[in-house]
Amino acid sequence: MRGTDNRRRERPRIAVTAQIVHGPMKETHAVVVRNMHEGGAKVRLTSTRGVMLSGPVILKLTTEERHCTVVWQAGDEVGLRFSQQS
């Protein structure tokens, strides 16, 4: 888990299933979105052990796709920042 919490506002907890798409082969991994706000999201990998994500990814929700950048990863938890093109 991360150390210091530098958030400017509280983020409501949620549990929404989604997928992360990454890499040149468009690999997909199942995730649960744990919290989300206008700038990004925290997700937890559900089906894959040892996956290290970095750089640009796409968060596929039921109703939309968000282009993101991975900003941190601690085990199976991943912090995403939404891109302007989302």
Protein backbone atom coordinates (compact mmCIF):
# COMPACT_ATOMS: atom_id res chain seq x y z
CA MET A 1 0.00 0.00 0.00
CA ARG A 2 1.16 3.55 -0.59
CA GLY A 3 2.62 5.62 2.21
CA THR A 4 1.54 9.26 2.43
CA ASP A 5 -1.92 10.11 1.12
CA ASN A 6 -1.58 13.26 -1.01
CA ARG A 7 -5.16 13.42 -2.22
CA ARG A 8 -6.84 16.82 -2.36
CA ARG A 9 -10.35 15.44 -1.94
CA GLU A 10 -12.00 12.28 -0.70
CA ARG A 11 -12.61 9.54 -3.26
CA PRO A 12 -15.75 7.45 -2.86
CA ARG A 13 -15.14 3.70 -2.74
CA ILE A 14 -16.75 1.63 -5.44
CA ALA A 15 -16.46 -1.91 -6.79
CA VAL A 16 -17.01 -1.93 -10.57
CA THR A 17 -15.63 -4.64 -12.85
CA ALA A 18 -13.62 -3.46 -15.87
CA GLN A 19 -10.66 -4.40 -18.06
CA ILE A 20 -7.22 -2.89 -18.58
CA VAL A 21 -5.88 -3.06 -22.15
CA HIS A 22 -2.13 -2.52 -22.59
CA GLY A 23 0.91 -3.22 -24.71
CA PRO A 24 1.44 -3.66 -28.43
CA MET A 25 -0.50 -6.95 -28.42
CA LYS A 26 -3.49 -5.28 -26.66
CA GLU A 27 -3.35 -7.70 -23.71
CA THR A 28 -6.36 -7.48 -21.39
CA HIS A 29 -6.56 -8.03 -17.64
CA ALA A 30 -9.67 -8.08 -15.48
CA VAL A 31 -9.77 -5.42 -12.76
CA VAL A 32 -12.08 -4.05 -10.12
CA VAL A 33 -12.25 -0.26 -9.99
CA ARG A 34 -11.92 0.63 -6.29
CA ASN A 35 -12.29 4.40 -6.57
CA MET A 36 -12.61 6.86 -9.41
CA HIS A 37 -12.71 10.64 -9.79
CA GLU A 38 -12.33 13.14 -12.62
CA GLY A 39 -8.53 12.80 -12.70
CA GLY A 40 -8.01 9.07 -12.37
CA ALA A 41 -8.78 5.79 -10.66
CA LYS A 42 -7.40 3.08 -8.42
CA VAL A 43 -7.93 -0.46 -9.70
CA ARG A 44 -7.14 -3.92 -8.40
CA LEU A 45 -6.01 -6.69 -10.76
CA THR A 46 -8.25 -9.72 -10.23
CA SER A 47 -7.15 -12.52 -12.52
CA THR A 48 -3.41 -12.21 -13.03
CA ARG A 49 -0.46 -12.52 -10.68
CA GLY A 50 2.85 -10.82 -11.31
CA VAL A 51 1.59 -8.39 -13.97
CA MET A 52 3.58 -5.17 -13.99
CA LEU A 53 1.83 -2.35 -15.84
CA SER A 54 3.47 0.86 -16.99
CA GLY A 55 2.91 3.65 -19.47
CA PRO A 56 -0.30 4.14 -21.43
CA VAL A 57 -3.28 1.81 -20.91
CA ILE A 58 -7.00 1.84 -21.65
CA LEU A 59 -9.54 1.30 -18.87
CA LYS A 60 -12.59 -0.37 -20.43
CA LEU A 61 -15.72 0.17 -18.37
CA THR A 62 -19.18 -1.06 -19.30
CA THR A 63 -20.23 2.27 -20.80
CA GLU A 64 -16.95 3.91 -21.82
CA GLU A 65 -13.22 3.59 -22.46
CA ARG A 66 -10.75 5.88 -20.71
CA HIS A 67 -7.18 6.41 -21.92
CA CYS A 68 -4.86 6.45 -18.91
CA THR A 69 -1.28 6.45 -17.74
CA VAL A 70 -0.11 4.14 -14.96
CA VAL A 71 1.32 6.37 -12.20
CA TRP A 72 1.98 3.75 -9.53
CA GLN A 73 1.60 0.05 -8.82
CA ALA A 74 1.82 -1.76 -5.49
CA GLY A 75 1.24 -5.48 -5.92
CA ASP A 76 -2.19 -5.95 -7.44
CA GLU A 77 -3.27 -2.31 -6.93
CA VAL A 78 -2.67 0.20 -9.73
CA GLY A 79 -3.11 3.98 -9.79
CA LEU A 80 -4.22 5.49 -13.12
CA ARG A 81 -4.28 9.09 -14.35
CA PHE A 82 -6.84 9.83 -17.04
CA SER A 83 -5.48 11.35 -20.25
CA GLN A 84 -6.94 14.49 -21.83
CA GLN A 85 -8.12 12.49 -24.90
CA SER A 86 -10.55 10.38 -22.80
